[in-house]
Amino acid sequence: MTASSHLTLITGASRGLGRAMAEQLLQAGHTVLGISRRQEPQLAQAAQQAGAELIQWEQDLSDPVAASARLSAWLETLDGQRFDSVTLINNAGTVGNPAPLASAVGTELSQALRIGLEAPMLLTAAFLGATRGWRGARKVLNISSGLGRNAMGSQAPYCAAKAGMDHFSRAVALEEAAAPNGARIVSLAPGIIDTDMQVQLRGASDEKFPDRTRFVSMKEEGRLDSPAAAAAKVLKYLAREDFGRNPVADVRDPA
């Protein structure tokens, strides 16, 4: 494996959009840290084929304090002068079991918010603090959703987590704009992707999730991007020269 001058950290890297982004970044020669509940053999194979460096952590993001402490400690061991760029991609999230809030299970509700909002905030804090003195370009890409900007019944936890992600990105963008070598941060809606989340929504009951038929129609009409196609669009946006100009954005926004 050859040393890379680009380091990218991705949560939820073992499947769906996260895995597709990790694979494409490895192919581009990035050093990738994948943070997921389990290691993914396909990523290891992709790294070997590309001759790129891959680190995989098994980490439960429903304990964001432990995850952020681990990330901070690991970053502190690295030589920040080695990298031309360092990027954190907060991709992990969960839709849980679609249901009205009145019938939500407390533990599931808490877990959805911990994974979808607390973890990205704490990991971002750890990342920004640990890389403050690094020489290279610093970026944070938060994978948001249209549901953070347009509410949907029976999806209150997911909507709230993504709306919170959008707004904390706005706040952090203001902070980093005033800092030396401040990081650029964007909360990005990635489009509609055919992932396990979509399968979960299509499989929900009509009684608990009245919008289920809408998701079935999107699948039947071929309106869903594959994870690989969506990853290519997201990474293209990440590479844009104007990345960070709008801290809340959509992958379909014109350059």
C-alpha atoms as a PDB file:
ATOM      1  CA  MET A   1       0.000   0.000   0.000  1.00  0.00           C
ATOM      2  CA  THR A   2       1.189   3.512  -0.785  1.00  0.00           C
ATOM      3  CA  ALA A   3       0.896   6.448   1.600  1.00  0.00           C
ATOM      4  CA  SER A   4      -1.919   8.765   0.592  1.00  0.00           C
ATOM      5  CA  SER A   5      -2.015  12.503   1.075  1.00  0.00           C
ATOM      6  CA  HIS A   6      -5.806  12.402   1.447  1.00  0.00           C
ATOM      7  CA  LEU A   7      -7.542  11.008   4.532  1.00  0.00           C
ATOM      8  CA  THR A   8     -11.303  10.432   4.585  1.00  0.00           C
ATOM      9  CA  LEU A   9     -13.332   9.201   7.557  1.00  0.00           C
ATOM     10  CA  ILE A  10     -16.777   7.721   6.864  1.00  0.00           C
ATOM     11  CA  THR A  11     -19.453   6.519   9.272  1.00  0.00           C
ATOM     12  CA  GLY A  12     -21.840   3.798   8.139  1.00  0.00           C
ATOM     13  CA  ALA A  13     -19.216   2.535   5.700  1.00  0.00           C
ATOM     14  CA  SER A  14     -20.256  -1.113   5.684  1.00  0.00           C
ATOM     15  CA  ARG A  15     -23.287  -0.854   3.407  1.00  0.00           C
ATOM     16  CA  GLY A  16     -25.317   1.314   1.050  1.00  0.00           C
ATOM     17  CA  LEU A  17     -24.132   4.823   0.242  1.00  0.00           C
ATOM     18  CA  GLY A  18     -21.352   4.703   2.837  1.00  0.00           C
ATOM     19  CA  ARG A  19     -19.775   1.584   1.387  1.00  0.00           C
ATOM     20  CA  ALA A  20     -20.078   2.906  -2.157  1.00  0.00           C
ATOM     21  CA  MET A  21     -18.343   6.163  -1.174  1.00  0.00           C
ATOM     22  CA  ALA A  22     -15.598   4.260   0.634  1.00  0.00           C
ATOM     23  CA  GLU A  23     -15.004   2.009  -2.385  1.00  0.00           C
ATOM     24  CA  GLN A  24     -14.764   4.960  -4.757  1.00  0.00           C
ATOM     25  CA  LEU A  25     -12.435   6.881  -2.457  1.00  0.00           C
ATOM     26  CA  LEU A  26     -10.176   3.848  -2.119  1.00  0.00           C
ATOM     27  CA  GLN A  27     -10.092   3.553  -5.903  1.00  0.00           C
ATOM     28  CA  ALA A  28      -9.012   7.204  -5.992  1.00  0.00           C
ATOM     29  CA  GLY A  29      -6.144   6.398  -3.624  1.00  0.00           C
ATOM     30  CA  HIS A  30      -7.478   7.924  -0.408  1.00  0.00           C
ATOM     31  CA  THR A  31      -6.653   6.549   2.998  1.00  0.00           C
ATOM     32  CA  VAL A  32     -10.069   5.620   4.406  1.00  0.00           C
ATOM     33  CA  LEU A  33     -11.231   5.057   7.973  1.00  0.00           C
ATOM     34  CA  GLY A  34     -14.575   3.259   7.926  1.00  0.00           C
ATOM     35  CA  ILE A  35     -16.612   3.433  11.142  1.00  0.00           C
ATOM     36  CA  SER A  36     -19.468   0.928  11.265  1.00  0.00           C
ATOM     37  CA  ARG A  37     -21.123  -1.707  13.424  1.00  0.00           C
ATOM     38  CA  ARG A  38     -19.215  -4.386  11.544  1.00  0.00           C
ATOM     39  CA  GLN A  39     -16.261  -4.716   9.200  1.00  0.00           C
ATOM     40  CA  GLU A  40     -16.970  -5.181   5.515  1.00  0.00           C
ATOM     41  CA  PRO A  41     -14.867  -7.743   3.579  1.00  0.00           C
ATOM     42  CA  GLN A  42     -15.736  -6.113   0.235  1.00  0.00           C
ATOM     43  CA  LEU A  43     -14.064  -2.901   1.388  1.00  0.00           C
ATOM     44  CA  ALA A  44     -10.914  -4.797   2.304  1.00  0.00           C
ATOM     45  CA  GLN A  45     -10.904  -6.337  -1.165  1.00  0.00           C
ATOM     46  CA  ALA A  46     -11.417  -2.914  -2.769  1.00  0.00           C
ATOM     47  CA  ALA A  47      -8.510  -1.495  -0.787  1.00  0.00           C
ATOM     48  CA  GLN A  48      -6.244  -4.376  -1.768  1.00  0.00           C
ATOM     49  CA  GLN A  49      -7.137  -4.031  -5.446  1.00  0.00           C
ATOM     50  CA  ALA A  50      -6.518  -0.270  -5.363  1.00  0.00           C
ATOM     51  CA  GLY A  51      -3.340  -0.519  -3.294  1.00  0.00           C
ATOM     52  CA  ALA A  52      -4.916   1.926  -0.849  1.00  0.00           C
ATOM     53  CA  GLU A  53      -4.922   2.040   2.940  1.00  0.00           C
ATOM     54  CA  LEU A  54      -8.124   1.057   4.749  1.00  0.00           C
ATOM     55  CA  ILE A  55      -8.787   1.072   8.476  1.00  0.00           C
ATOM     56  CA  GLN A  56     -12.090  -0.387   9.688  1.00  0.00           C
ATOM     57  CA  TRP A  57     -13.510   0.178  13.146  1.00  0.00           C
ATOM     58  CA  GLU A  58     -16.376  -1.723  14.683  1.00  0.00           C
ATOM     59  CA  GLN A  59     -18.024   1.088  16.609  1.00  0.00           C
ATOM     60  CA  ASP A  60     -21.535   1.510  18.017  1.00  0.00           C
ATOM     61  CA  LEU A  61     -22.594   5.074  17.196  1.00  0.00           C
ATOM     62  CA  SER A  62     -25.481   4.831  19.650  1.00  0.00           C
ATOM     63  CA  ASP A  63     -22.717   5.555  22.198  1.00  0.00           C
ATOM     64  CA  PRO A  64     -21.464   8.772  20.589  1.00  0.00           C
ATOM     65  CA  VAL A  65     -19.357   9.877  23.570  1.00  0.00           C
ATOM     66  CA  ALA A  66     -17.200   6.756  23.310  1.00  0.00           C
ATOM     67  CA  ALA A  67     -17.044   7.001  19.511  1.00  0.00           C
ATOM     68  CA  SER A  68     -15.950  10.632  19.530  1.00  0.00           C
ATOM     69  CA  ALA A  69     -13.332  10.012  22.237  1.00  0.00           C
ATOM     70  CA  ARG A  70     -11.890   7.161  20.189  1.00  0.00           C
ATOM     71  CA  LEU A  71     -11.783   9.317  17.062  1.00  0.00           C
ATOM     72  CA  SER A  72     -10.100  12.216  18.832  1.00  0.00           C
ATOM     73  CA  ALA A  73      -7.461   9.953  20.369  1.00  0.00           C
ATOM     74  CA  TRP A  74      -6.734   8.284  17.015  1.00  0.00           C
ATOM     75  CA  LEU A  75      -6.403  11.563  15.129  1.00  0.00           C
ATOM     76  CA  GLU A  76      -3.991  12.839  17.762  1.00  0.00           C
ATOM     77  CA  THR A  77      -1.625   9.958  16.904  1.00  0.00           C
ATOM     78  CA  LEU A  78      -1.337  10.995  13.239  1.00  0.00           C
ATOM     79  CA  ASP A  79       1.088  13.397  11.610  1.00  0.00           C
ATOM     80  CA  GLY A  80      -1.232  16.140  10.399  1.00  0.00           C
ATOM     81  CA  GLN A  81       1.477  17.555   8.133  1.00  0.00           C
ATOM     82  CA  ARG A  82       1.282  14.411   5.999  1.00  0.00           C
ATOM     83  CA  PHE A  83      -2.138  15.124   4.528  1.00  0.00           C
ATOM     84  CA  ASP A  84      -3.176  17.569   1.817  1.00  0.00           C
ATOM     85  CA  SER A  85      -6.784  17.053   2.875  1.00  0.00           C
ATOM     86  CA  VAL A  86      -8.743  15.460   5.683  1.00  0.00           C
ATOM     87  CA  THR A  87     -12.493  14.907   5.465  1.00  0.00           C
ATOM     88  CA  LEU A  88     -15.153  13.602   7.825  1.00  0.00           C
ATOM     89  CA  ILE A  89     -18.292  12.178   6.199  1.00  0.00           C
ATOM     90  CA  ASN A  90     -21.125  11.687   8.684  1.00  0.00           C
ATOM     91  CA  ASN A  91     -23.216   9.189   6.740  1.00  0.00           C
ATOM     92  CA  ALA A  92     -24.669   6.770   9.309  1.00  0.00           C
ATOM     93  CA  GLY A  93     -28.336   7.090  10.184  1.00  0.00           C
ATOM     94  CA  THR A  94     -31.475   5.079  10.825  1.00  0.00           C
ATOM     95  CA  VAL A  95     -35.159   5.473   9.978  1.00  0.00           C
ATOM     96  CA  GLY A  96     -36.125   3.098  12.783  1.00  0.00           C
ATOM     97  CA  ASN A  97     -39.579   1.578  12.669  1.00  0.00           C
ATOM     98  CA  PRO A  98     -41.913   4.033  10.920  1.00  0.00           C
ATOM     99  CA  ALA A  99     -44.753   4.933  13.279  1.00  0.00           C
ATOM    100  CA  PRO A 100     -46.554   7.960  14.724  1.00  0.00           C
ATOM    101  CA  LEU A 101     -44.658   9.541  17.582  1.00  0.00           C
ATOM    102  CA  ALA A 102     -47.483   8.709  19.987  1.00  0.00           C
ATOM    103  CA  SER A 103     -46.733   5.007  19.562  1.00  0.00           C
ATOM    104  CA  ALA A 104     -42.933   5.280  19.420  1.00  0.00           C
ATOM    105  CA  VAL A 105     -40.799   2.996  21.604  1.00  0.00           C
ATOM    106  CA  GLY A 106     -38.665   5.144  23.865  1.00  0.00           C
ATOM    107  CA  THR A 107     -35.434   3.180  23.445  1.00  0.00           C
ATOM    108  CA  GLU A 108     -35.786   3.155  19.650  1.00  0.00           C
ATOM    109  CA  LEU A 109     -36.545   6.872  19.591  1.00  0.00           C
ATOM    110  CA  SER A 110     -33.478   7.619  21.696  1.00  0.00           C
ATOM    111  CA  GLN A 111     -31.260   5.423  19.553  1.00  0.00           C
ATOM    112  CA  ALA A 112     -32.414   7.098  16.323  1.00  0.00           C
ATOM    113  CA  LEU A 113     -31.527  10.539  17.675  1.00  0.00           C
ATOM    114  CA  ARG A 114     -28.207   9.378  19.096  1.00  0.00           C
ATOM    115  CA  ILE A 115     -27.112   7.846  15.798  1.00  0.00           C
ATOM    116  CA  GLY A 116     -28.660  10.478  13.538  1.00  0.00           C
ATOM    117  CA  LEU A 117     -27.824  13.686  15.398  1.00  0.00           C
ATOM    118  CA  GLU A 118     -25.732  13.243  18.554  1.00  0.00           C
ATOM    119  CA  ALA A 119     -23.080  11.112  16.870  1.00  0.00           C
ATOM    120  CA  PRO A 120     -22.511  13.493  13.929  1.00  0.00           C
ATOM    121  CA  MET A 121     -22.250  16.464  16.300  1.00  0.00           C
ATOM    122  CA  LEU A 122     -19.812  14.778  18.672  1.00  0.00           C
ATOM    123  CA  LEU A 123     -17.705  13.287  15.884  1.00  0.00           C
ATOM    124  CA  THR A 124     -17.575  16.666  14.160  1.00  0.00           C
ATOM    125  CA  ALA A 125     -16.450  18.304  17.394  1.00  0.00           C
ATOM    126  CA  ALA A 126     -13.735  15.687  17.875  1.00  0.00           C
ATOM    127  CA  PHE A 127     -12.616  15.974  14.249  1.00  0.00           C
ATOM    128  CA  LEU A 128     -12.420  19.762  14.267  1.00  0.00           C
ATOM    129  CA  GLY A 129     -10.554  19.869  17.545  1.00  0.00           C
ATOM    130  CA  ALA A 130      -8.018  17.191  16.674  1.00  0.00           C
ATOM    131  CA  THR A 131      -7.229  18.540  13.185  1.00  0.00           C
ATOM    132  CA  ARG A 132      -7.148  22.238  14.085  1.00  0.00           C
ATOM    133  CA  GLY A 133      -3.393  22.515  13.517  1.00  0.00           C
ATOM    134  CA  TRP A 134      -3.244  20.339  10.400  1.00  0.00           C
ATOM    135  CA  ARG A 135      -1.948  21.999   7.255  1.00  0.00           C
ATOM    136  CA  GLY A 136      -4.315  20.508   4.701  1.00  0.00           C
ATOM    137  CA  ALA A 137      -7.852  21.377   3.618  1.00  0.00           C
ATOM    138  CA  ARG A 138     -10.400  20.287   6.218  1.00  0.00           C
ATOM    139  CA  LYS A 139     -13.964  19.358   5.289  1.00  0.00           C
ATOM    140  CA  VAL A 140     -17.045  17.948   6.991  1.00  0.00           C
ATOM    141  CA  LEU A 141     -19.766  16.428   4.823  1.00  0.00           C
ATOM    142  CA  ASN A 142     -22.994  15.591   6.631  1.00  0.00           C
ATOM    143  CA  ILE A 143     -25.343  13.332   4.672  1.00  0.00           C
ATOM    144  CA  SER A 144     -28.740  14.900   5.208  1.00  0.00           C
ATOM    145  CA  SER A 145     -32.113  14.246   3.573  1.00  0.00           C
ATOM    146  CA  GLY A 146     -35.043  15.991   1.992  1.00  0.00           C
ATOM    147  CA  LEU A 147     -36.983  14.842   5.062  1.00  0.00           C
ATOM    148  CA  GLY A 148     -34.939  17.263   7.128  1.00  0.00           C
ATOM    149  CA  ARG A 149     -36.485  20.065   5.072  1.00  0.00           C
ATOM    150  CA  ASN A 150     -39.929  18.631   4.322  1.00  0.00           C
ATOM    151  CA  ALA A 151     -41.746  16.868   7.135  1.00  0.00           C
ATOM    152  CA  MET A 152     -43.371  13.452   6.801  1.00  0.00           C
ATOM    153  CA  GLY A 153     -45.679  11.700   9.224  1.00  0.00           C
ATOM    154  CA  SER A 154     -44.405   8.617  11.062  1.00  0.00           C
ATOM    155  CA  GLN A 155     -40.838   9.801  10.497  1.00  0.00           C
ATOM    156  CA  ALA A 156     -40.485  12.378  13.294  1.00  0.00           C
ATOM    157  CA  PRO A 157     -37.140  11.071  14.675  1.00  0.00           C
ATOM    158  CA  TYR A 158     -35.500  10.930  11.246  1.00  0.00           C
ATOM    159  CA  CYS A 159     -36.911  14.307  10.209  1.00  0.00           C
ATOM    160  CA  ALA A 160     -35.747  15.863  13.474  1.00  0.00           C
ATOM    161  CA  ALA A 161     -32.252  14.366  13.234  1.00  0.00           C
ATOM    162  CA  LYS A 162     -31.742  15.589   9.682  1.00  0.00           C
ATOM    163  CA  ALA A 163     -33.183  19.044  10.398  1.00  0.00           C
ATOM    164  CA  GLY A 164     -30.853  19.279  13.390  1.00  0.00           C
ATOM    165  CA  MET A 165     -27.937  18.206  11.214  1.00  0.00           C
ATOM    166  CA  ASP A 166     -28.735  20.970   8.737  1.00  0.00           C
ATOM    167  CA  HIS A 167     -28.896  23.639  11.403  1.00  0.00           C
ATOM    168  CA  PHE A 168     -25.827  22.621  13.373  1.00  0.00           C
ATOM    169  CA  SER A 169     -23.947  22.673  10.061  1.00  0.00           C
ATOM    170  CA  ARG A 170     -25.004  26.289   9.574  1.00  0.00           C
ATOM    171  CA  ALA A 171     -23.777  27.187  13.054  1.00  0.00           C
ATOM    172  CA  VAL A 172     -20.432  25.405  12.673  1.00  0.00           C
ATOM    173  CA  ALA A 173     -19.892  27.032   9.271  1.00  0.00           C
ATOM    174  CA  LEU A 174     -20.074  30.426  10.972  1.00  0.00           C
ATOM    175  CA  GLU A 175     -17.554  29.340  13.607  1.00  0.00           C
ATOM    176  CA  GLU A 176     -15.092  27.862  11.128  1.00  0.00           C
ATOM    177  CA  ALA A 177     -15.282  30.871   8.791  1.00  0.00           C
ATOM    178  CA  ALA A 178     -13.643  32.928  11.524  1.00  0.00           C
ATOM    179  CA  ALA A 179     -10.904  30.375  12.330  1.00  0.00           C
ATOM    180  CA  PRO A 180      -7.444  29.966  10.747  1.00  0.00           C
ATOM    181  CA  ASN A 181      -7.646  27.187   8.156  1.00  0.00           C
ATOM    182  CA  GLY A 182     -11.279  26.775   9.139  1.00  0.00           C
ATOM    183  CA  ALA A 183     -13.038  23.666   7.956  1.00  0.00           C
ATOM    184  CA  ARG A 184     -15.694  23.849   5.278  1.00  0.00           C
ATOM    185  CA  ILE A 185     -18.910  22.078   6.250  1.00  0.00           C
ATOM    186  CA  VAL A 186     -21.962  21.091   4.209  1.00  0.00           C
ATOM    187  CA  SER A 187     -25.120  19.205   5.133  1.00  0.00           C
ATOM    188  CA  LEU A 188     -26.013  17.631   1.805  1.00  0.00           C
ATOM    189  CA  ALA A 189     -29.212  15.970   0.610  1.00  0.00           C
ATOM    190  CA  PRO A 190     -27.929  13.113  -1.599  1.00  0.00           C
ATOM    191  CA  GLY A 191     -31.040  12.402  -3.655  1.00  0.00           C
ATOM    192  CA  ILE A 192     -33.229   9.302  -3.475  1.00  0.00           C
ATOM    193  CA  ILE A 193     -31.173   6.125  -3.141  1.00  0.00           C
ATOM    194  CA  ASP A 194     -32.090   2.449  -3.287  1.00  0.00           C
ATOM    195  CA  THR A 195     -30.736   1.377   0.112  1.00  0.00           C
ATOM    196  CA  ASP A 196     -31.814  -0.785   3.031  1.00  0.00           C
ATOM    197  CA  MET A 197     -33.668   2.243   4.422  1.00  0.00           C
ATOM    198  CA  GLN A 198     -35.868   2.309   1.345  1.00  0.00           C
ATOM    199  CA  VAL A 199     -36.564  -1.401   1.760  1.00  0.00           C
ATOM    200  CA  GLN A 200     -37.542  -0.772   5.365  1.00  0.00           C
ATOM    201  CA  LEU A 201     -39.927   2.036   4.416  1.00  0.00           C
ATOM    202  CA  ARG A 202     -41.535  -0.008   1.643  1.00  0.00           C
ATOM    203  CA  GLY A 203     -42.029  -2.872   4.073  1.00  0.00           C
ATOM    204  CA  ALA A 204     -43.780  -0.786   6.743  1.00  0.00           C
ATOM    205  CA  SER A 205     -47.505  -1.158   7.390  1.00  0.00           C
ATOM    206  CA  ASP A 206     -49.916   1.260   5.728  1.00  0.00           C
ATOM    207  CA  GLU A 207     -51.562   1.838   9.081  1.00  0.00           C
ATOM    208  CA  LYS A 208     -48.390   3.076  10.752  1.00  0.00           C
ATOM    209  CA  PHE A 209     -46.837   4.683   7.655  1.00  0.00           C
ATOM    210  CA  PRO A 210     -49.445   6.163   5.276  1.00  0.00           C
ATOM    211  CA  ASP A 211     -46.731   7.339   2.822  1.00  0.00           C
ATOM    212  CA  ARG A 212     -45.544   3.777   2.190  1.00  0.00           C
ATOM    213  CA  THR A 213     -47.126   3.634  -1.274  1.00  0.00           C
ATOM    214  CA  ARG A 214     -45.130   6.684  -2.297  1.00  0.00           C
ATOM    215  CA  PHE A 215     -41.881   4.809  -1.659  1.00  0.00           C
ATOM    216  CA  VAL A 216     -43.191   1.730  -3.450  1.00  0.00           C
ATOM    217  CA  SER A 217     -44.005   3.893  -6.473  1.00  0.00           C
ATOM    218  CA  MET A 218     -40.523   5.424  -6.567  1.00  0.00           C
ATOM    219  CA  LYS A 219     -39.036   1.937  -6.713  1.00  0.00           C
ATOM    220  CA  GLU A 220     -41.457   0.682  -9.352  1.00  0.00           C
ATOM    221  CA  GLU A 221     -40.948   3.783 -11.506  1.00  0.00           C
ATOM    222  CA  GLY A 222     -37.152   3.493 -11.421  1.00  0.00           C
ATOM    223  CA  ARG A 223     -36.652   6.824  -9.672  1.00  0.00           C
ATOM    224  CA  LEU A 224     -34.018   5.580  -7.217  1.00  0.00           C
ATOM    225  CA  ASP A 225     -30.278   5.991  -7.677  1.00  0.00           C
ATOM    226  CA  SER A 226     -28.082   2.987  -7.016  1.00  0.00           C
ATOM    227  CA  PRO A 227     -25.678   3.502  -4.101  1.00  0.00           C
ATOM    228  CA  ALA A 228     -22.770   3.661  -6.550  1.00  0.00           C
ATOM    229  CA  ALA A 229     -24.439   6.324  -8.710  1.00  0.00           C
ATOM    230  CA  ALA A 230     -25.410   8.376  -5.667  1.00  0.00           C
ATOM    231  CA  ALA A 231     -21.901   8.072  -4.220  1.00  0.00           C
ATOM    232  CA  ALA A 232     -20.393   9.414  -7.433  1.00  0.00           C
ATOM    233  CA  LYS A 233     -22.689  12.443  -7.274  1.00  0.00           C
ATOM    234  CA  VAL A 234     -21.958  13.097  -3.593  1.00  0.00           C
ATOM    235  CA  LEU A 235     -18.191  12.836  -4.061  1.00  0.00           C
ATOM    236  CA  LYS A 236     -18.372  15.095  -7.101  1.00  0.00           C
ATOM    237  CA  TYR A 237     -20.118  17.683  -4.921  1.00  0.00           C
ATOM    238  CA  LEU A 238     -17.487  17.207  -2.202  1.00  0.00           C
ATOM    239  CA  ALA A 239     -14.774  18.030  -4.757  1.00  0.00           C
ATOM    240  CA  ARG A 240     -16.449  21.219  -5.992  1.00  0.00           C
ATOM    241  CA  GLU A 241     -14.466  24.423  -5.588  1.00  0.00           C
ATOM    242  CA  ASP A 242     -17.496  26.081  -3.995  1.00  0.00           C
ATOM    243  CA  PHE A 243     -17.944  23.316  -1.397  1.00  0.00           C
ATOM    244  CA  GLY A 244     -18.947  25.042   1.819  1.00  0.00           C
ATOM    245  CA  ARG A 245     -20.334  28.186   0.276  1.00  0.00           C
ATOM    246  CA  ASN A 246     -23.824  26.945   1.140  1.00  0.00           C
ATOM    247  CA  PRO A 247     -23.714  24.928   4.374  1.00  0.00           C
ATOM    248  CA  VAL A 248     -27.096  23.340   3.610  1.00  0.00           C
ATOM    249  CA  ALA A 249     -27.275  22.044   0.064  1.00  0.00           C
ATOM    250  CA  ASP A 250     -28.620  19.424  -2.321  1.00  0.00           C
ATOM    251  CA  VAL A 251     -26.526  17.210  -4.566  1.00  0.00           C
ATOM    252  CA  ARG A 252     -28.631  18.470  -7.482  1.00  0.00           C
ATOM    253  CA  ASP A 253     -27.722  22.140  -6.880  1.00  0.00           C
ATOM    254  CA  PRO A 254     -25.999  23.674  -9.926  1.00  0.00           C
ATOM    255  CA  ALA A 255     -22.331  24.619  -9.626  1.00  0.00           C
END
